[in-house]
Structure formats: C-alpha cells, structure tokens
C-alpha cells in the first residue's frame, strides 16, 4: 500500500466520520457533498471545506481531480451541497483559476492553501443563481 493510499484510508476511517457528523449538524467548517456513485448507484457523503460565493461555492481539490465525489458529480450532471445544514442543488461545475479560488477562501485559509501549494479549484454553481 502506498503512503498516499494509507493516508486516504486513515482519513476515511477517522477524520471523515467526525467531519460528516459535524456537517450534518451544520456546525464546524465542514460542508457535505451528497453524490451518487456512477458505477454502484450508492449514495455517498463527502466532507469538504467550501467557500461561499455569489454563484454558489468554491471547492479546493486537495487530492486532485481523481476524487470520487468530483467524478460522480460530473457524471451525474450535479450533486447536492449541504452547507451549514441547508441543502443546495449544484447544476454545473466549472474550473476556477487559483487566484479566484484563493480570493474566495480569504485570509487566513488562503494563506494556508498558498503555503500548501494548492492551486486546483472548482466553482460549484447553485441551481437558479
């Protein structure tokens, strides 16, 4: 098992369950991406820290574009974001340049993202906006 694979397994079984519970309650910094598996048809919840913007939300792709929630949402043509306990239907996902992504997160989160050399952002459009 690679180091990356071991790390993701650790997160999936330790941090994610805590983050999901907090996001369901609408507390803490986490939001939930509710998506349907493109092969299994199963319903999944993935915790993310999102930045709200006028069009919807900005997501930083910490683990790159190969993450399941992104592939599932793209294949389905959207997903549902649960932000502070409220559901928002996402009907379009666009690439977002790093400068705009950093600006959406603001200080101090953008400082941390810059320090970690994060540069892959998405704009999740809320239906009707």
N, C-alpha and C. Protein backbone atom coordinates (compact mmCIF):
# COMPACT_ATOMS: atom_id res chain seq x y z
N UNK A 1 0.85 -1.18 0.00
CA UNK A 1 0.00 0.00 0.00
C UNK A 1 0.90 1.24 0.00
N UNK A 2 0.60 2.17 -0.90
CA UNK A 2 1.40 3.39 -0.98
C UNK A 2 1.11 4.30 0.22
N UNK A 3 1.99 5.24 0.44
CA UNK A 3 1.79 6.20 1.54
C UNK A 3 0.52 6.99 1.32
N UNK A 4 0.28 7.43 0.09
CA UNK A 4 -0.93 8.20 -0.22
C UNK A 4 -2.18 7.37 0.06
N UNK A 5 -2.17 6.12 -0.38
CA UNK A 5 -3.30 5.23 -0.17
C UNK A 5 -3.54 4.99 1.32
N UNK A 6 -2.47 4.78 2.08
CA UNK A 6 -2.59 4.59 3.52
C UNK A 6 -3.15 5.83 4.20
N UNK A 7 -2.69 7.01 3.77
CA UNK A 7 -3.17 8.27 4.34
C UNK A 7 -4.66 8.45 4.06
N UNK A 8 -5.09 8.19 2.83
CA UNK A 8 -6.51 8.33 2.48
C UNK A 8 -7.37 7.34 3.25
N UNK A 9 -6.87 6.14 3.46
CA UNK A 9 -7.61 5.15 4.26
C UNK A 9 -7.74 5.63 5.69
N UNK A 10 -6.67 6.16 6.25
CA UNK A 10 -6.70 6.71 7.61
C UNK A 10 -7.74 7.82 7.72
N UNK A 11 -7.72 8.75 6.79
CA UNK A 11 -8.68 9.86 6.81
C UNK A 11 -10.11 9.33 6.69
N UNK A 12 -10.33 8.40 5.76
CA UNK A 12 -11.67 7.87 5.52
C UNK A 12 -12.27 7.25 6.78
N UNK A 13 -11.42 6.62 7.60
CA UNK A 13 -11.93 5.90 8.77
C UNK A 13 -11.83 6.67 10.08
N UNK A 14 -11.15 7.80 10.09
CA UNK A 14 -11.00 8.55 11.35
C UNK A 14 -11.58 9.96 11.25
N UNK A 15 -11.04 10.76 10.37
CA UNK A 15 -11.45 12.17 10.29
C UNK A 15 -12.80 12.32 9.60
N UNK A 16 -13.02 11.61 8.49
CA UNK A 16 -14.26 11.78 7.74
C UNK A 16 -15.52 11.52 8.56
N UNK A 17 -15.60 10.45 9.36
CA UNK A 17 -16.82 10.24 10.14
C UNK A 17 -17.13 11.40 11.10
N UNK A 18 -16.11 11.95 11.71
CA UNK A 18 -16.30 13.10 12.62
C UNK A 18 -16.76 14.32 11.82
N UNK A 19 -16.11 14.57 10.69
CA UNK A 19 -16.46 15.72 9.85
C UNK A 19 -17.88 15.58 9.30
N UNK A 20 -18.27 14.39 8.91
CA UNK A 20 -19.62 14.17 8.38
C UNK A 20 -20.67 14.44 9.45
N UNK A 21 -20.45 13.97 10.67
CA UNK A 21 -21.40 14.24 11.75
C UNK A 21 -21.53 15.73 12.02
N UNK A 22 -20.41 16.44 12.05
CA UNK A 22 -20.44 17.89 12.27
C UNK A 22 -21.18 18.60 11.13
N UNK A 23 -20.91 18.19 9.90
CA UNK A 23 -21.56 18.83 8.75
C UNK A 23 -23.06 18.57 8.74
N UNK A 24 -23.48 17.39 9.13
CA UNK A 24 -24.93 17.09 9.20
C UNK A 24 -25.62 17.99 10.22
N UNK A 25 -24.93 18.29 11.31
CA UNK A 25 -25.49 19.18 12.34
C UNK A 25 -25.44 20.64 11.91
N UNK A 26 -24.65 20.93 10.88
CA UNK A 26 -24.50 22.32 10.45
C UNK A 26 -23.50 23.08 11.29
N UNK A 27 -22.63 22.35 11.98
CA UNK A 27 -21.63 23.02 12.82
C UNK A 27 -20.23 22.76 12.29
N UNK A 28 -19.32 23.62 12.66
CA UNK A 28 -17.94 23.46 12.22
C UNK A 28 -17.74 23.97 10.80
N UNK A 29 -16.53 23.80 10.28
CA UNK A 29 -16.20 24.36 8.97
C UNK A 29 -16.60 23.47 7.79
N UNK A 30 -17.11 22.27 8.08
CA UNK A 30 -17.34 21.31 7.01
C UNK A 30 -18.72 21.42 6.38
N UNK A 31 -18.75 21.17 5.08
CA UNK A 31 -19.98 21.01 4.32
C UNK A 31 -19.98 19.58 3.80
N UNK A 32 -21.12 19.14 3.32
CA UNK A 32 -21.21 17.80 2.73
C UNK A 32 -21.51 17.90 1.25
N UNK A 33 -20.83 17.08 0.47
CA UNK A 33 -21.20 16.88 -0.92
C UNK A 33 -21.94 15.55 -0.96
N UNK A 34 -23.21 15.59 -1.33
CA UNK A 34 -24.01 14.38 -1.45
C UNK A 34 -24.02 14.01 -2.93
N UNK A 35 -23.54 12.81 -3.24
CA UNK A 35 -23.41 12.39 -4.63
C UNK A 35 -23.75 10.91 -4.77
N UNK A 36 -24.06 10.52 -6.00
CA UNK A 36 -24.45 9.15 -6.31
C UNK A 36 -23.31 8.47 -7.07
N UNK A 37 -22.92 7.29 -6.63
CA UNK A 37 -21.85 6.55 -7.29
C UNK A 37 -22.18 6.27 -8.75
N UNK A 38 -21.28 6.61 -9.64
CA UNK A 38 -21.55 6.45 -11.07
C UNK A 38 -21.58 4.99 -11.50
N UNK A 39 -20.95 4.11 -10.75
CA UNK A 39 -20.98 2.67 -11.07
C UNK A 39 -21.93 1.91 -10.15
N UNK A 40 -21.87 2.22 -8.85
CA UNK A 40 -22.64 1.47 -7.87
C UNK A 40 -24.07 1.97 -7.72
N UNK A 41 -24.30 3.26 -7.99
CA UNK A 41 -25.61 3.85 -7.75
C UNK A 41 -25.85 4.15 -6.28
N UNK A 42 -24.85 3.90 -5.44
CA UNK A 42 -24.98 4.14 -4.00
C UNK A 42 -24.89 5.64 -3.70
N UNK A 43 -25.50 6.04 -2.60
CA UNK A 43 -25.48 7.43 -2.16
C UNK A 43 -24.27 7.62 -1.24
N UNK A 44 -23.51 8.70 -1.47
CA UNK A 44 -22.32 8.98 -0.67
C UNK A 44 -22.36 10.41 -0.14
N UNK A 45 -21.66 10.61 0.98
CA UNK A 45 -21.46 11.94 1.56
C UNK A 45 -19.96 12.14 1.75
N UNK A 46 -19.47 13.26 1.25
CA UNK A 46 -18.05 13.57 1.37
C UNK A 46 -17.91 14.93 2.04
N UNK A 47 -17.16 15.01 3.14
CA UNK A 47 -16.98 16.31 3.80
C UNK A 47 -15.93 17.16 3.08
N UNK A 48 -16.24 18.44 2.92
CA UNK A 48 -15.33 19.41 2.31
C UNK A 48 -15.43 20.73 3.06
N UNK A 49 -14.40 21.53 2.96
CA UNK A 49 -14.47 22.91 3.43
C UNK A 49 -14.65 23.76 2.19
N UNK A 50 -15.82 24.39 2.08
CA UNK A 50 -16.18 25.18 0.90
C UNK A 50 -16.19 26.66 1.23
N UNK A 51 -16.01 27.47 0.20
CA UNK A 51 -16.10 28.92 0.34
C UNK A 51 -17.35 29.38 -0.41
N UNK A 52 -18.29 30.05 0.28
CA UNK A 52 -19.48 30.55 -0.41
C UNK A 52 -19.14 31.76 -1.29
N UNK A 53 -19.71 31.80 -2.48
CA UNK A 53 -19.57 32.93 -3.41
C UNK A 53 -20.96 33.18 -4.02
N UNK A 54 -21.10 34.28 -4.75
CA UNK A 54 -22.40 34.66 -5.31
C UNK A 54 -23.02 33.55 -6.17
N UNK A 55 -22.22 32.87 -6.97
CA UNK A 55 -22.74 31.84 -7.88
C UNK A 55 -22.99 30.50 -7.20
N UNK A 56 -22.40 30.30 -6.03
CA UNK A 56 -22.54 29.03 -5.32
C UNK A 56 -21.43 28.81 -4.32
N UNK A 57 -20.51 27.89 -4.64
CA UNK A 57 -19.44 27.55 -3.72
C UNK A 57 -18.15 27.28 -4.48
N UNK A 58 -17.04 27.56 -3.82
CA UNK A 58 -15.72 27.21 -4.35
C UNK A 58 -15.20 26.02 -3.55
N UNK A 59 -14.69 25.02 -4.27
CA UNK A 59 -14.09 23.84 -3.65
C UNK A 59 -12.63 23.76 -4.06
N UNK A 60 -11.77 23.46 -3.11
CA UNK A 60 -10.35 23.22 -3.39
C UNK A 60 -10.15 21.71 -3.46
N UNK A 61 -9.51 21.26 -4.52
CA UNK A 61 -9.31 19.82 -4.73
C UNK A 61 -7.98 19.38 -4.12
N UNK A 62 -8.00 19.16 -2.83
CA UNK A 62 -6.80 18.77 -2.08
C UNK A 62 -6.13 17.54 -2.68
N UNK A 63 -6.93 16.57 -3.08
CA UNK A 63 -6.40 15.30 -3.58
C UNK A 63 -6.49 15.18 -5.10
N UNK A 64 -6.71 16.28 -5.79
CA UNK A 64 -6.74 16.28 -7.25
C UNK A 64 -8.10 15.93 -7.82
N UNK A 65 -8.14 15.87 -9.14
CA UNK A 65 -9.40 15.66 -9.86
C UNK A 65 -9.85 14.20 -9.91
N UNK A 66 -9.07 13.30 -9.37
CA UNK A 66 -9.44 11.89 -9.41
C UNK A 66 -10.31 11.48 -8.22
N UNK A 67 -10.69 12.42 -7.37
CA UNK A 67 -11.52 12.09 -6.20
C UNK A 67 -12.91 11.65 -6.66
N UNK A 68 -13.49 10.71 -5.92
CA UNK A 68 -14.76 10.10 -6.31
C UNK A 68 -15.90 11.11 -6.38
N UNK A 69 -15.99 12.02 -5.40
CA UNK A 69 -17.15 12.92 -5.41
C UNK A 69 -17.19 13.76 -6.68
N UNK A 70 -16.03 14.21 -7.15
CA UNK A 70 -15.97 15.04 -8.35
C UNK A 70 -16.36 14.24 -9.59
N UNK A 71 -15.81 13.04 -9.73
CA UNK A 71 -16.17 12.19 -10.86
C UNK A 71 -17.65 11.84 -10.86
N UNK A 72 -18.19 11.54 -9.69
CA UNK A 72 -19.61 11.20 -9.58
C UNK A 72 -20.49 12.40 -9.92
N UNK A 73 -20.14 13.57 -9.39
CA UNK A 73 -20.94 14.77 -9.65
C UNK A 73 -20.90 15.15 -11.13
N UNK A 74 -19.73 15.05 -11.74
CA UNK A 74 -19.61 15.35 -13.17
C UNK A 74 -20.45 14.38 -14.00
N UNK A 75 -20.37 13.10 -13.68
CA UNK A 75 -21.11 12.09 -14.43
C UNK A 75 -22.62 12.28 -14.29
N UNK A 76 -23.06 12.69 -13.11
CA UNK A 76 -24.49 12.87 -12.84
C UNK A 76 -25.01 14.23 -13.29
N UNK A 77 -24.10 15.14 -13.63
CA UNK A 77 -24.53 16.49 -14.00
C UNK A 77 -24.81 17.38 -12.81
N UNK A 78 -24.35 16.98 -11.64
CA UNK A 78 -24.53 17.79 -10.45
C UNK A 78 -24.52 16.96 -9.18
N UNK A 79 -24.82 17.62 -8.08
CA UNK A 79 -24.84 16.98 -6.76
C UNK A 79 -25.61 17.91 -5.83
N UNK A 80 -25.62 17.57 -4.56
CA UNK A 80 -26.23 18.43 -3.54
C UNK A 80 -25.14 18.79 -2.54
N UNK A 81 -25.07 20.07 -2.21
CA UNK A 81 -24.17 20.55 -1.17
C UNK A 81 -25.02 20.83 0.06
N UNK A 82 -24.60 20.33 1.20
CA UNK A 82 -25.25 20.66 2.47
C UNK A 82 -24.29 21.61 3.19
N UNK A 83 -24.68 22.89 3.20
CA UNK A 83 -23.84 23.96 3.76
C UNK A 83 -24.53 24.52 4.99
N UNK A 84 -23.89 24.42 6.15
CA UNK A 84 -24.48 24.81 7.43
C UNK A 84 -25.87 24.18 7.61
N UNK A 85 -25.97 22.93 7.19
CA UNK A 85 -27.20 22.16 7.36
C UNK A 85 -28.24 22.36 6.28
N UNK A 86 -28.06 23.33 5.39
CA UNK A 86 -29.05 23.62 4.34
C UNK A 86 -28.62 23.01 3.01
N UNK A 87 -29.56 22.37 2.29
CA UNK A 87 -29.21 21.76 1.01
C UNK A 87 -29.24 22.77 -0.14
N UNK A 88 -28.27 22.64 -1.05
CA UNK A 88 -28.20 23.46 -2.26
C UNK A 88 -27.93 22.52 -3.43
N UNK A 89 -28.76 22.60 -4.46
CA UNK A 89 -28.58 21.77 -5.64
C UNK A 89 -27.53 22.41 -6.55
N UNK A 90 -26.53 21.63 -6.90
CA UNK A 90 -25.47 22.07 -7.81
C UNK A 90 -25.79 21.53 -9.19
N UNK A 91 -25.91 22.44 -10.17
CA UNK A 91 -26.26 22.00 -11.52
C UNK A 91 -25.14 22.18 -12.55
N UNK A 92 -24.01 22.75 -12.10
CA UNK A 92 -22.88 22.92 -13.01
C UNK A 92 -21.60 23.06 -12.20
N UNK A 93 -20.52 22.49 -12.71
CA UNK A 93 -19.22 22.58 -12.06
C UNK A 93 -18.22 23.07 -13.10
N UNK A 94 -17.54 24.18 -12.78
CA UNK A 94 -16.55 24.76 -13.69
C UNK A 94 -15.19 24.82 -13.02
N UNK A 95 -14.15 24.78 -13.84
CA UNK A 95 -12.80 25.04 -13.34
C UNK A 95 -12.71 26.49 -12.89
N UNK A 96 -11.88 26.74 -11.89
CA UNK A 96 -11.68 28.10 -11.38
C UNK A 96 -10.18 28.32 -11.24
N UNK A 97 -9.71 29.47 -11.69
CA UNK A 97 -8.28 29.75 -11.59
C UNK A 97 -7.87 29.89 -10.12
N UNK A 98 -6.59 29.66 -9.86
CA UNK A 98 -6.07 29.64 -8.49
C UNK A 98 -6.27 30.98 -7.78
N UNK A 99 -6.05 32.09 -8.47
CA UNK A 99 -6.19 33.41 -7.84
C UNK A 99 -7.62 33.63 -7.36
N UNK A 100 -8.60 33.28 -8.17
CA UNK A 100 -10.01 33.44 -7.78
C UNK A 100 -10.37 32.48 -6.65
N UNK A 101 -9.83 31.27 -6.70
CA UNK A 101 -10.08 30.30 -5.64
C UNK A 101 -9.53 30.78 -4.31
N UNK A 102 -8.31 31.28 -4.31
CA UNK A 102 -7.69 31.80 -3.08
C UNK A 102 -8.50 32.98 -2.54
N UNK A 103 -8.92 33.86 -3.42
CA UNK A 103 -9.69 35.04 -3.01
C UNK A 103 -11.00 34.61 -2.34
N UNK A 104 -11.64 33.59 -2.87
CA UNK A 104 -12.91 33.11 -2.31
C UNK A 104 -12.73 32.62 -0.87
N UNK A 105 -11.63 31.96 -0.60
CA UNK A 105 -11.40 31.43 0.75
C UNK A 105 -10.99 32.52 1.74
N UNK A 106 -10.37 33.58 1.26
CA UNK A 106 -9.98 34.68 2.15
C UNK A 106 -8.92 34.26 3.16
N UNK A 107 -8.47 35.26 3.90
CA UNK A 107 -7.47 35.02 4.96
C UNK A 107 -8.17 34.46 6.19
N UNK A 108 -7.59 33.59 6.95
CA UNK A 108 -6.26 33.00 6.83
C UNK A 108 -6.24 31.71 6.01
N UNK A 109 -7.43 31.23 5.59
CA UNK A 109 -7.45 29.96 4.84
C UNK A 109 -6.63 30.04 3.56
N UNK A 110 -6.70 31.17 2.86
CA UNK A 110 -5.93 31.29 1.61
C UNK A 110 -4.43 31.24 1.88
N UNK A 111 -4.01 31.75 3.03
CA UNK A 111 -2.58 31.69 3.39
C UNK A 111 -2.14 30.23 3.52
N UNK A 112 -2.98 29.45 4.19
CA UNK A 112 -2.67 28.03 4.39
C UNK A 112 -2.65 27.30 3.05
N UNK A 113 -3.64 27.58 2.21
CA UNK A 113 -3.68 26.95 0.89
C UNK A 113 -2.45 27.31 0.06
N UNK A 114 -2.03 28.56 0.14
CA UNK A 114 -0.84 29.00 -0.59
C UNK A 114 0.41 28.30 -0.05
N UNK A 115 0.51 28.22 1.27
CA UNK A 115 1.64 27.54 1.91
C UNK A 115 1.72 26.07 1.49
N UNK A 116 0.57 25.45 1.35
CA UNK A 116 0.49 24.04 0.95
C UNK A 116 0.55 23.86 -0.57
N UNK A 117 0.71 24.98 -1.28
CA UNK A 117 0.81 24.98 -2.75
C UNK A 117 -0.41 24.37 -3.42
N UNK A 118 -1.57 24.74 -2.93
CA UNK A 118 -2.82 24.29 -3.54
C UNK A 118 -3.17 25.24 -4.67
N UNK A 119 -3.63 24.69 -5.78
CA UNK A 119 -3.94 25.53 -6.93
C UNK A 119 -5.08 24.99 -7.79
N UNK A 120 -5.74 23.94 -7.33
CA UNK A 120 -6.80 23.31 -8.11
C UNK A 120 -8.15 23.61 -7.46
N UNK A 121 -8.94 24.47 -8.10
CA UNK A 121 -10.22 24.91 -7.54
C UNK A 121 -11.35 24.68 -8.53
N UNK A 122 -12.55 24.50 -7.99
CA UNK A 122 -13.76 24.36 -8.79
C UNK A 122 -14.80 25.35 -8.31
N UNK A 123 -15.62 25.81 -9.24
CA UNK A 123 -16.78 26.63 -8.90
C UNK A 123 -18.01 25.75 -9.06
N UNK A 124 -18.71 25.55 -7.95
CA UNK A 124 -19.92 24.72 -7.92
C UNK A 124 -21.12 25.67 -8.00
N UNK A 125 -21.82 25.67 -9.12
CA UNK A 125 -22.93 26.60 -9.35
C UNK A 125 -24.21 26.07 -8.71
N UNK A 126 -24.85 26.90 -7.89
CA UNK A 126 -26.13 26.56 -7.30
C UNK A 126 -27.21 26.80 -8.35
N UNK A 127 -28.12 25.85 -8.50
CA UNK A 127 -29.21 25.97 -9.47
C UNK A 127 -30.01 27.24 -9.22
N UNK A 128 -30.30 27.97 -10.28
CA UNK A 128 -31.09 29.19 -10.17
C UNK A 128 -30.31 30.44 -9.86
N UNK A 129 -29.00 30.34 -9.71
CA UNK A 129 -28.18 31.54 -9.43
C UNK A 129 -27.44 31.95 -10.67
